[in-house]
PDB file of all heavy atoms in Angstrom:
ATOM      1  N   LEU A   1      77.238 132.807  60.908  1.00  0.00           N
ATOM      2  CA  LEU A   1      75.836 132.434  60.680  1.00  0.00           C
ATOM      3  C   LEU A   1      74.887 133.499  61.223  1.00  0.00           C
ATOM      4  O   LEU A   1      73.894 133.839  60.579  1.00  0.00           O
ATOM      5  CB  LEU A   1      75.530 131.087  61.333  1.00  0.00           C
ATOM      6  CG  LEU A   1      76.088 129.863  60.618  1.00  0.00           C
ATOM      7  CD1 LEU A   1      75.948 128.618  61.495  1.00  0.00           C
ATOM      8  CD2 LEU A   1      75.407 129.651  59.274  1.00  0.00           C
ATOM      9  N   ALA A   2      75.189 134.044  62.392  1.00  0.00           N
ATOM     10  CA  ALA A   2      74.329 135.080  62.974  1.00  0.00           C
ATOM     11  C   ALA A   2      74.283 136.307  62.069  1.00  0.00           C
ATOM     12  O   ALA A   2      73.214 136.887  61.850  1.00  0.00           O
ATOM     13  CB  ALA A   2      74.819 135.452  64.370  1.00  0.00           C
ATOM     14  N   GLU A   3      75.420 136.684  61.516  1.00  0.00           N
ATOM     15  CA  GLU A   3      75.458 137.844  60.608  1.00  0.00           C
ATOM     16  C   GLU A   3      74.669 137.553  59.335  1.00  0.00           C
ATOM     17  O   GLU A   3      73.903 138.395  58.857  1.00  0.00           O
ATOM     18  CB  GLU A   3      76.898 138.215  60.279  1.00  0.00           C
ATOM     19  CG  GLU A   3      77.620 138.859  61.450  1.00  0.00           C
ATOM     20  CD  GLU A   3      79.089 139.126  61.172  1.00  0.00           C
ATOM     21  OE1 GLU A   3      79.480 139.127  59.981  1.00  0.00           O
ATOM     22  OE2 GLU A   3      79.834 139.325  62.135  1.00  0.00           O
ATOM     23  N   LEU A   4      74.852 136.367  58.780  1.00  0.00           N
ATOM     24  CA  LEU A   4      74.119 135.997  57.565  1.00  0.00           C
ATOM     25  C   LEU A   4      72.614 135.964  57.816  1.00  0.00           C
ATOM     26  O   LEU A   4      71.824 136.410  56.984  1.00  0.00           O
ATOM     27  CB  LEU A   4      74.586 134.634  57.050  1.00  0.00           C
ATOM     28  CG  LEU A   4      75.974 134.573  56.421  1.00  0.00           C
ATOM     29  CD1 LEU A   4      76.393 133.128  56.208  1.00  0.00           C
ATOM     30  CD2 LEU A   4      76.016 135.341  55.114  1.00  0.00           C
ATOM     31  N   CYS A   5      72.214 135.452  58.975  1.00  0.00           N
ATOM     32  CA  CYS A   5      70.793 135.269  59.264  1.00  0.00           C
ATOM     33  C   CYS A   5      70.091 136.559  59.671  1.00  0.00           C
ATOM     34  O   CYS A   5      68.894 136.540  59.973  1.00  0.00           O
ATOM     35  CB  CYS A   5      70.610 134.188  60.331  1.00  0.00           C
ATOM     36  SG  CYS A   5      70.971 132.539  59.678  1.00  0.00           S
ATOM     37  N   GLU A   6      70.799 137.670  59.658  1.00  0.00           N
ATOM     38  CA  GLU A   6      70.129 138.968  59.827  1.00  0.00           C
ATOM     39  C   GLU A   6      69.213 139.217  58.627  1.00  0.00           C
ATOM     40  O   GLU A   6      68.240 139.945  58.718  1.00  0.00           O
ATOM     41  CB  GLU A   6      71.156 140.099  59.948  1.00  0.00           C
ATOM     42  CG  GLU A   6      71.995 140.067  61.211  1.00  0.00           C
ATOM     43  CD  GLU A   6      71.256 140.550  62.438  1.00  0.00           C
ATOM     44  OE1 GLU A   6      70.187 141.164  62.300  1.00  0.00           O
ATOM     45  OE2 GLU A   6      71.757 140.309  63.548  1.00  0.00           O
ATOM     46  N   SER A   7      69.547 138.602  57.491  1.00  0.00           N
ATOM     47  CA  SER A   7      68.712 138.686  56.292  1.00  0.00           C
ATOM     48  C   SER A   7      67.627 137.612  56.379  1.00  0.00           C
ATOM     49  O   SER A   7      67.917 136.448  56.683  1.00  0.00           O
ATOM     50  CB  SER A   7      69.579 138.451  55.051  1.00  0.00           C
ATOM     51  OG  SER A   7      68.812 137.930  53.997  1.00  0.00           O
ATOM     52  N   LEU A   8      66.387 138.008  56.119  1.00  0.00           N
ATOM     53  CA  LEU A   8      65.272 137.051  56.206  1.00  0.00           C
ATOM     54  C   LEU A   8      65.441 135.886  55.235  1.00  0.00           C
ATOM     55  O   LEU A   8      65.131 134.742  55.564  1.00  0.00           O
ATOM     56  CB  LEU A   8      63.945 137.759  55.946  1.00  0.00           C
ATOM     57  CG  LEU A   8      63.498 138.760  57.007  1.00  0.00           C
ATOM     58  CD1 LEU A   8      62.170 139.384  56.618  1.00  0.00           C
ATOM     59  CD2 LEU A   8      63.394 138.116  58.375  1.00  0.00           C
ATOM     60  N   ASP A   9      65.937 136.174  54.024  1.00  0.00           N
ATOM     61  CA  ASP A   9      66.138 135.099  53.048  1.00  0.00           C
ATOM     62  C   ASP A   9      67.162 134.091  53.551  1.00  0.00           C
ATOM     63  O   ASP A   9      66.971 132.879  53.426  1.00  0.00           O
ATOM     64  CB  ASP A   9      66.578 135.662  51.696  1.00  0.00           C
ATOM     65  CG  ASP A   9      65.460 136.416  50.995  1.00  0.00           C
ATOM     66  OD1 ASP A   9      64.276 136.152  51.314  1.00  0.00           O
ATOM     67  OD2 ASP A   9      65.759 137.279  50.148  1.00  0.00           O
ATOM     68  N   CYS A  10      68.250 134.600  54.116  1.00  0.00           N
ATOM     69  CA  CYS A  10      69.282 133.699  54.643  1.00  0.00           C
ATOM     70  C   CYS A  10      68.757 132.913  55.841  1.00  0.00           C
ATOM     71  O   CYS A  10      69.055 131.723  55.982  1.00  0.00           O
ATOM     72  CB  CYS A  10      70.521 134.494  55.059  1.00  0.00           C
ATOM     73  SG  CYS A  10      71.465 135.110  53.663  1.00  0.00           S
ATOM     74  N   ALA A  11      67.974 133.580  56.680  1.00  0.00           N
ATOM     75  CA  ALA A  11      67.410 132.888  57.844  1.00  0.00           C
ATOM     76  C   ALA A  11      66.485 131.758  57.391  1.00  0.00           C
ATOM     77  O   ALA A  11      66.517 130.659  57.950  1.00  0.00           O
ATOM     78  CB  ALA A  11      66.663 133.878  58.731  1.00  0.00           C
ATOM     79  N   ASN A  12      65.679 132.019  56.355  1.00  0.00           N
ATOM     80  CA  ASN A  12      64.818 130.968  55.803  1.00  0.00           C
ATOM     81  C   ASN A  12      65.636 129.797  55.288  1.00  0.00           C
ATOM     82  O   ASN A  12      65.325 128.629  55.537  1.00  0.00           O
ATOM     83  CB  ASN A  12      63.968 131.531  54.652  1.00  0.00           C
ATOM     84  CG  ASN A  12      62.578 131.909  55.104  1.00  0.00           C
ATOM     85  OD1 ASN A  12      62.004 131.267  55.969  1.00  0.00           O
ATOM     86  ND2 ASN A  12      62.048 132.949  54.511  1.00  0.00           N
ATOM     87  N   GLU A  13      66.684 130.119  54.549  1.00  0.00           N
ATOM     88  CA  GLU A  13      67.564 129.077  53.992  1.00  0.00           C
ATOM     89  C   GLU A  13      68.234 128.287  55.115  1.00  0.00           C
ATOM     90  O   GLU A  13      68.321 127.064  55.068  1.00  0.00           O
ATOM     91  CB  GLU A  13      68.629 129.743  53.106  1.00  0.00           C
ATOM     92  CG  GLU A  13      69.454 128.785  52.298  1.00  0.00           C
ATOM     93  CD  GLU A  13      68.672 128.121  51.170  1.00  0.00           C
ATOM     94  OE1 GLU A  13      67.733 128.730  50.635  1.00  0.00           O
ATOM     95  OE2 GLU A  13      69.015 126.981  50.834  1.00  0.00           O
ATOM     96  N   PHE A  14      68.701 128.990  56.140  1.00  0.00           N
ATOM     97  CA  PHE A  14      69.343 128.366  57.292  1.00  0.00           C
ATOM     98  C   PHE A  14      68.391 127.363  57.953  1.00  0.00           C
ATOM     99  O   PHE A  14      68.777 126.241  58.272  1.00  0.00           O
ATOM    100  CB  PHE A  14      69.754 129.454  58.286  1.00  0.00           C
ATOM    101  CG  PHE A  14      70.355 128.943  59.558  1.00  0.00           C
ATOM    102  CD1 PHE A  14      71.653 128.471  59.600  1.00  0.00           C
ATOM    103  CD2 PHE A  14      69.621 128.949  60.734  1.00  0.00           C
ATOM    104  CE1 PHE A  14      72.208 128.009  60.779  1.00  0.00           C
ATOM    105  CE2 PHE A  14      70.160 128.498  61.921  1.00  0.00           C
ATOM    106  CZ  PHE A  14      71.460 128.026  61.943  1.00  0.00           C
ATOM    107  N   CYS A  15      67.138 127.776  58.127  1.00  0.00           N
ATOM    108  CA  CYS A  15      66.142 126.895  58.748  1.00  0.00           C
ATOM    109  C   CYS A  15      65.879 125.675  57.876  1.00  0.00           C
ATOM    110  O   CYS A  15      65.734 124.560  58.388  1.00  0.00           O
ATOM    111  CB  CYS A  15      64.844 127.652  58.997  1.00  0.00           C
ATOM    112  SG  CYS A  15      65.000 128.952  60.235  1.00  0.00           S
ATOM    113  N   SER A  16      65.835 125.870  56.555  1.00  0.00           N
ATOM    114  CA  SER A  16      65.570 124.742  55.653  1.00  0.00           C
ATOM    115  C   SER A  16      66.717 123.731  55.661  1.00  0.00           C
ATOM    116  O   SER A  16      66.525 122.562  55.341  1.00  0.00           O
ATOM    117  CB  SER A  16      65.311 125.239  54.228  1.00  0.00           C
ATOM    118  OG  SER A  16      66.514 125.640  53.610  1.00  0.00           O
ATOM    119  N   LEU A  17      67.908 124.176  56.049  1.00  0.00           N
ATOM    120  CA  LEU A  17      69.071 123.284  56.124  1.00  0.00           C
ATOM    121  C   LEU A  17      69.187 122.582  57.479  1.00  0.00           C
ATOM    122  O   LEU A  17      70.168 121.874  57.726  1.00  0.00           O
ATOM    123  CB  LEU A  17      70.354 124.084  55.849  1.00  0.00           C
ATOM    124  CG  LEU A  17      70.524 124.625  54.435  1.00  0.00           C
ATOM    125  CD1 LEU A  17      71.697 125.602  54.369  1.00  0.00           C
ATOM    126  CD2 LEU A  17      70.729 123.480  53.444  1.00  0.00           C
ATOM    127  N   GLY A  18      68.219 122.807  58.373  1.00  0.00           N
ATOM    128  CA  GLY A  18      68.275 122.188  59.695  1.00  0.00           C
ATOM    129  C   GLY A  18      69.104 122.973  60.687  1.00  0.00           C
ATOM    130  O   GLY A  18      69.535 122.434  61.720  1.00  0.00           O
ATOM    131  N   GLY A  19      69.316 124.246  60.408  1.00  0.00           N
ATOM    132  CA  GLY A  19      70.167 125.064  61.267  1.00  0.00           C
ATOM    133  C   GLY A  19      69.615 125.307  62.658  1.00  0.00           C
ATOM    134  O   GLY A  19      70.376 125.397  63.621  1.00  0.00           O
ATOM    135  N   LEU A  20      68.283 125.415  62.773  1.00  0.00           N
ATOM    136  CA  LEU A  20      67.705 125.649  64.105  1.00  0.00           C
ATOM    137  C   LEU A  20      68.033 124.499  65.050  1.00  0.00           C
ATOM    138  O   LEU A  20      68.346 124.714  66.219  1.00  0.00           O
ATOM    139  CB  LEU A  20      66.190 125.831  64.014  1.00  0.00           C
ATOM    140  CG  LEU A  20      65.699 127.175  63.482  1.00  0.00           C
ATOM    141  CD1 LEU A  20      64.174 127.165  63.378  1.00  0.00           C
ATOM    142  CD2 LEU A  20      66.167 128.326  64.356  1.00  0.00           C
ATOM    143  N   GLU A  21      67.962 123.288  64.533  1.00  0.00           N
ATOM    144  CA  GLU A  21      68.274 122.126  65.356  1.00  0.00           C
ATOM    145  C   GLU A  21      69.726 122.171  65.837  1.00  0.00           C
ATOM    146  O   GLU A  21      70.017 121.847  66.991  1.00  0.00           O
ATOM    147  CB  GLU A  21      68.014 120.829  64.578  1.00  0.00           C
ATOM    148  CG  GLU A  21      66.547 120.544  64.321  1.00  0.00           C
ATOM    149  CD  GLU A  21      65.937 121.281  63.122  1.00  0.00           C
ATOM    150  OE1 GLU A  21      66.603 122.161  62.538  1.00  0.00           O
ATOM    151  OE2 GLU A  21      64.781 120.987  62.781  1.00  0.00           O
ATOM    152  N   VAL A  22      70.620 122.598  64.952  1.00  0.00           N
ATOM    153  CA  VAL A  22      72.033 122.699  65.318  1.00  0.00           C
ATOM    154  C   VAL A  22      72.221 123.755  66.401  1.00  0.00           C
ATOM    155  O   VAL A  22      72.902 123.525  67.404  1.00  0.00           O
ATOM    156  CB  VAL A  22      72.895 123.025  64.074  1.00  0.00           C
ATOM    157  CG1 VAL A  22      74.330 123.311  64.470  1.00  0.00           C
ATOM    158  CG2 VAL A  22      72.829 121.886  63.068  1.00  0.00           C
ATOM    159  N   ALA A  23      71.596 124.920  66.217  1.00  0.00           N
ATOM    160  CA  ALA A  23      71.728 125.996  67.200  1.00  0.00           C
ATOM    161  C   ALA A  23      71.177 125.556  68.556  1.00  0.00           C
ATOM    162  O   ALA A  23      71.808 125.785  69.601  1.00  0.00           O
ATOM    163  CB  ALA A  23      71.005 127.252  66.711  1.00  0.00           C
ATOM    164  N   LEU A  24      70.027 124.898  68.550  1.00  0.00           N
ATOM    165  CA  LEU A  24      69.433 124.454  69.811  1.00  0.00           C
ATOM    166  C   LEU A  24      70.305 123.413  70.517  1.00  0.00           C
ATOM    167  O   LEU A  24      70.405 123.413  71.740  1.00  0.00           O
ATOM    168  CB  LEU A  24      68.039 123.885  69.560  1.00  0.00           C
ATOM    169  CG  LEU A  24      66.974 124.951  69.322  1.00  0.00           C
ATOM    170  CD1 LEU A  24      65.715 124.337  68.733  1.00  0.00           C
ATOM    171  CD2 LEU A  24      66.651 125.685  70.595  1.00  0.00           C
ATOM    172  N   SER A  25      70.948 122.561  69.743  1.00  0.00           N
ATOM    173  CA  SER A  25      71.801 121.544  70.368  1.00  0.00           C
ATOM    174  C   SER A  25      73.002 122.180  71.068  1.00  0.00           C
ATOM    175  O   SER A  25      73.524 121.618  72.029  1.00  0.00           O
ATOM    176  CB  SER A  25      72.270 120.523  69.324  1.00  0.00           C
ATOM    177  OG  SER A  25      73.235 121.102  68.457  1.00  0.00           O
ATOM    178  N   LEU A  26      73.421 123.347  70.599  1.00  0.00           N
ATOM    179  CA  LEU A  26      74.583 124.013  71.202  1.00  0.00           C
ATOM    180  C   LEU A  26      74.235 124.851  72.426  1.00  0.00           C
ATOM    181  O   LEU A  26      75.128 125.321  73.123  1.00  0.00           O
ATOM    182  CB  LEU A  26      75.289 124.887  70.156  1.00  0.00           C
ATOM    183  CG  LEU A  26      75.998 124.118  69.046  1.00  0.00           C
ATOM    184  CD1 LEU A  26      76.499 125.067  67.965  1.00  0.00           C
ATOM    185  CD2 LEU A  26      77.157 123.307  69.614  1.00  0.00           C
ATOM    186  N   LEU A  27      72.947 125.051  72.693  1.00  0.00           N
ATOM    187  CA  LEU A  27      72.565 125.825  73.882  1.00  0.00           C
ATOM    188  C   LEU A  27      73.018 125.137  75.174  1.00  0.00           C
ATOM    189  O   LEU A  27      73.189 125.789  76.192  1.00  0.00           O
ATOM    190  CB  LEU A  27      71.052 126.047  73.924  1.00  0.00           C
ATOM    191  CG  LEU A  27      70.473 127.010  72.902  1.00  0.00           C
ATOM    192  CD1 LEU A  27      68.951 127.066  73.033  1.00  0.00           C
ATOM    193  CD2 LEU A  27      71.079 128.399  73.038  1.00  0.00           C
ATOM    194  N   GLY A  28      73.222 123.840  75.107  1.00  0.00           N
ATOM    195  CA  GLY A  28      73.669 123.108  76.293  1.00  0.00           C
ATOM    196  C   GLY A  28      75.146 122.756  76.267  1.00  0.00           C
ATOM    197  O   GLY A  28      75.596 121.930  77.064  1.00  0.00           O
ATOM    198  N   HIS A  29      75.898 123.380  75.380  1.00  0.00           N
ATOM    199  CA  HIS A  29      77.329 123.058  75.257  1.00  0.00           C
ATOM    200  C   HIS A  29      78.084 123.437  76.523  1.00  0.00           C
ATOM    201  O   HIS A  29      77.717 124.373  77.232  1.00  0.00           O
ATOM    202  CB  HIS A  29      77.924 123.792  74.046  1.00  0.00           C
ATOM    203  CG  HIS A  29      79.216 123.197  73.594  1.00  0.00           C
ATOM    204  ND1 HIS A  29      80.414 123.492  74.185  1.00  0.00           N
ATOM    205  CD2 HIS A  29      79.489 122.302  72.618  1.00  0.00           C
ATOM    206  CE1 HIS A  29      81.381 122.824  73.590  1.00  0.00           C
ATOM    207  NE2 HIS A  29      80.840 122.084  72.636  1.00  0.00           N
ATOM    208  N   ARG A  30      79.153 122.735  76.795  1.00  0.00           N
ATOM    209  CA  ARG A  30      79.910 122.992  78.038  1.00  0.00           C
ATOM    210  C   ARG A  30      80.677 124.309  78.007  1.00  0.00           C
ATOM    211  O   ARG A  30      80.985 124.873  79.047  1.00  0.00           O
ATOM    212  CB  ARG A  30      80.854 121.839  78.316  1.00  0.00           C
ATOM    213  CG  ARG A  30      81.876 121.620  77.221  1.00  0.00           C
ATOM    214  CD  ARG A  30      82.686 120.385  77.449  1.00  0.00           C
ATOM    215  NE  ARG A  30      83.550 120.579  78.590  1.00  0.00           N
ATOM    216  CZ  ARG A  30      84.552 119.792  78.894  1.00  0.00           C
ATOM    217  NH1 ARG A  30      84.799 118.739  78.139  1.00  0.00           N
ATOM    218  NH2 ARG A  30      85.315 120.027  79.921  1.00  0.00           N
ATOM    219  N   TRP A  31      81.034 124.816  76.805  1.00  0.00           N
ATOM    220  CA  TRP A  31      81.807 126.055  76.742  1.00  0.00           C
ATOM    221  C   TRP A  31      80.875 127.259  76.586  1.00  0.00           C
ATOM    222  O   TRP A  31      80.065 127.315  75.652  1.00  0.00           O
ATOM    223  CB  TRP A  31      82.789 126.037  75.574  1.00  0.00           C
ATOM    224  CG  TRP A  31      83.874 125.003  75.666  1.00  0.00           C
ATOM    225  CD1 TRP A  31      84.126 124.013  74.769  1.00  0.00           C
ATOM    226  CD2 TRP A  31      84.838 124.853  76.709  1.00  0.00           C
ATOM    227  NE1 TRP A  31      85.179 123.254  75.181  1.00  0.00           N
ATOM    228  CE2 TRP A  31      85.644 123.752  76.369  1.00  0.00           C
ATOM    229  CE3 TRP A  31      85.097 125.533  77.899  1.00  0.00           C
ATOM    230  CZ2 TRP A  31      86.700 123.317  77.169  1.00  0.00           C
ATOM    231  CZ3 TRP A  31      86.147 125.102  78.702  1.00  0.00           C
ATOM    232  CH2 TRP A  31      86.935 124.016  78.332  1.00  0.00           C
ATOM    233  N   PRO A  32      81.000 128.248  77.471  1.00  0.00           N
ATOM    234  CA  PRO A  32      80.110 129.422  77.447  1.00  0.00           C
ATOM    235  C   PRO A  32      80.054 130.180  76.125  1.00  0.00           C
ATOM    236  O   PRO A  32      78.967 130.576  75.702  1.00  0.00           O
ATOM    237  CB  PRO A  32      80.646 130.310  78.572  1.00  0.00           C
ATOM    238  CG  PRO A  32      81.336 129.369  79.500  1.00  0.00           C
ATOM    239  CD  PRO A  32      81.902 128.277  78.631  1.00  0.00           C
ATOM    240  N   PRO A  33      81.199 130.395  75.420  1.00  0.00           N
ATOM    241  CA  PRO A  33      81.089 131.142  74.162  1.00  0.00           C
ATOM    242  C   PRO A  33      80.197 130.458  73.127  1.00  0.00           C
ATOM    243  O   PRO A  33      79.558 131.137  72.321  1.00  0.00           O
ATOM    244  CB  PRO A  33      82.536 131.231  73.657  1.00  0.00           C
ATOM    245  CG  PRO A  33      83.382 131.047  74.861  1.00  0.00           C
ATOM    246  CD  PRO A  33      82.608 130.117  75.748  1.00  0.00           C
ATOM    247  N   LEU A  34      80.135 129.141  73.159  1.00  0.00           N
ATOM    248  CA  LEU A  34      79.279 128.436  72.212  1.00  0.00           C
ATOM    249  C   LEU A  34      77.814 128.527  72.625  1.00  0.00           C
ATOM    250  O   LEU A  34      76.939 128.648  71.767  1.00  0.00           O
ATOM    251  CB  LEU A  34      79.716 126.976  72.060  1.00  0.00           C
ATOM    252  CG  LEU A  34      81.121 126.769  71.489  1.00  0.00           C
ATOM    253  CD1 LEU A  34      81.373 125.296  71.201  1.00  0.00           C
ATOM    254  CD2 LEU A  34      81.360 127.592  70.249  1.00  0.00           C
ATOM    255  N   ARG A  35      77.555 128.502  73.925  1.00  0.00           N
ATOM    256  CA  ARG A  35      76.165 128.687  74.383  1.00  0.00           C
ATOM    257  C   ARG A  35      75.672 130.087  74.004  1.00  0.00           C
ATOM    258  O   ARG A  35      74.564 130.252  73.493  1.00  0.00           O
ATOM    259  CB  ARG A  35      76.065 128.493  75.904  1.00  0.00           C
ATOM    260  CG  ARG A  35      76.299 127.076  76.362  1.00  0.00           C
ATOM    261  CD  ARG A  35      75.852 126.842  77.790  1.00  0.00           C
ATOM    262  NE  ARG A  35      76.466 127.711  78.790  1.00  0.00           N
ATOM    263  CZ  ARG A  35      77.612 127.482  79.410  1.00  0.00           C
ATOM    264  NH1 ARG A  35      78.322 126.397  79.111  1.00  0.00           N
ATOM    265  NH2 ARG A  35      78.060 128.318  80.331  1.00  0.00           N
ATOM    266  N   ALA A  36      76.510 131.088  74.245  1.00  0.00           N
ATOM    267  CA  ALA A  36      76.133 132.473  73.925  1.00  0.00           C
ATOM    268  C   ALA A  36      75.962 132.652  72.418  1.00  0.00           C
ATOM    269  O   ALA A  36      74.999 133.278  71.957  1.00  0.00           O
ATOM    270  CB  ALA A  36      77.180 133.444  74.468  1.00  0.00           C
ATOM    271  N   GLY A  37      76.875 132.105  71.639  1.00  0.00           N
ATOM    272  CA  GLY A  37      76.795 132.227  70.181  1.00  0.00           C
ATOM    273  C   GLY A  37      75.565 131.540  69.612  1.00  0.00           C
ATOM    274  O   GLY A  37      74.910 132.056  68.708  1.00  0.00           O
ATOM    275  N   ALA A  38      75.225 130.380  70.165  1.00  0.00           N
ATOM    276  CA  ALA A  38      74.041 129.652  69.696  1.00  0.00           C
ATOM    277  C   ALA A  38      72.769 130.430  70.030  1.00  0.00           C
ATOM    278  O   ALA A  38      71.842 130.493  69.218  1.00  0.00           O
ATOM    279  CB  ALA A  38      73.997 128.264  70.331  1.00  0.00           C
ATOM    280  N   ALA A  39      72.722 131.045  71.209  1.00  0.00           N
ATOM    281  CA  ALA A  39      71.543 131.834  71.588  1.00  0.00           C
ATOM    282  C   ALA A  39      71.400 133.049  70.673  1.00  0.00           C
ATOM    283  O   ALA A  39      70.301 133.364  70.208  1.00  0.00           O
ATOM    284  CB  ALA A  39      71.650 132.275  73.045  1.00  0.00           C
ATOM    285  N   ARG A  40      72.515 133.716  70.403  1.00  0.00           N
ATOM    286  CA  ARG A  40      72.457 134.882  69.511  1.00  0.00           C
ATOM    287  C   ARG A  40      71.981 134.469  68.116  1.00  0.00           C
ATOM    288  O   ARG A  40      71.145 135.130  67.499  1.00  0.00           O
ATOM    289  CB  ARG A  40      73.831 135.549  69.427  1.00  0.00           C
ATOM    290  CG  ARG A  40      73.831 136.736  68.483  1.00  0.00           C
ATOM    291  CD  ARG A  40      75.156 137.499  68.511  1.00  0.00           C
ATOM    292  NE  ARG A  40      75.103 138.518  67.469  1.00  0.00           N
ATOM    293  CZ  ARG A  40      75.861 138.507  66.382  1.00  0.00           C
ATOM    294  NH1 ARG A  40      76.748 137.563  66.178  1.00  0.00           N
ATOM    295  NH2 ARG A  40      75.752 139.463  65.477  1.00  0.00           N
ATOM    296  N   LEU A  41      72.511 133.359  67.617  1.00  0.00           N
ATOM    297  CA  LEU A  41      72.116 132.857  66.296  1.00  0.00           C
ATOM    298  C   LEU A  41      70.631 132.522  66.267  1.00  0.00           C
ATOM    299  O   LEU A  41      69.926 132.874  65.319  1.00  0.00           O
ATOM    300  CB  LEU A  41      72.952 131.623  65.944  1.00  0.00           C
ATOM    301  CG  LEU A  41      72.560 130.852  64.690  1.00  0.00           C
ATOM    302  CD1 LEU A  41      72.571 131.755  63.456  1.00  0.00           C
ATOM    303  CD2 LEU A  41      73.487 129.658  64.493  1.00  0.00           C
TER     304      LEU A  41
END
């Protein structure tokens, strides 16, 4: 998702699908790689 969202069109589409909410929910995940990945995304 992070690679796809480097494109503005893909980032717009991602946001329209509710992706920001998903990424934000993972910022508090118990596993560090998921917190880091969500922040990067």
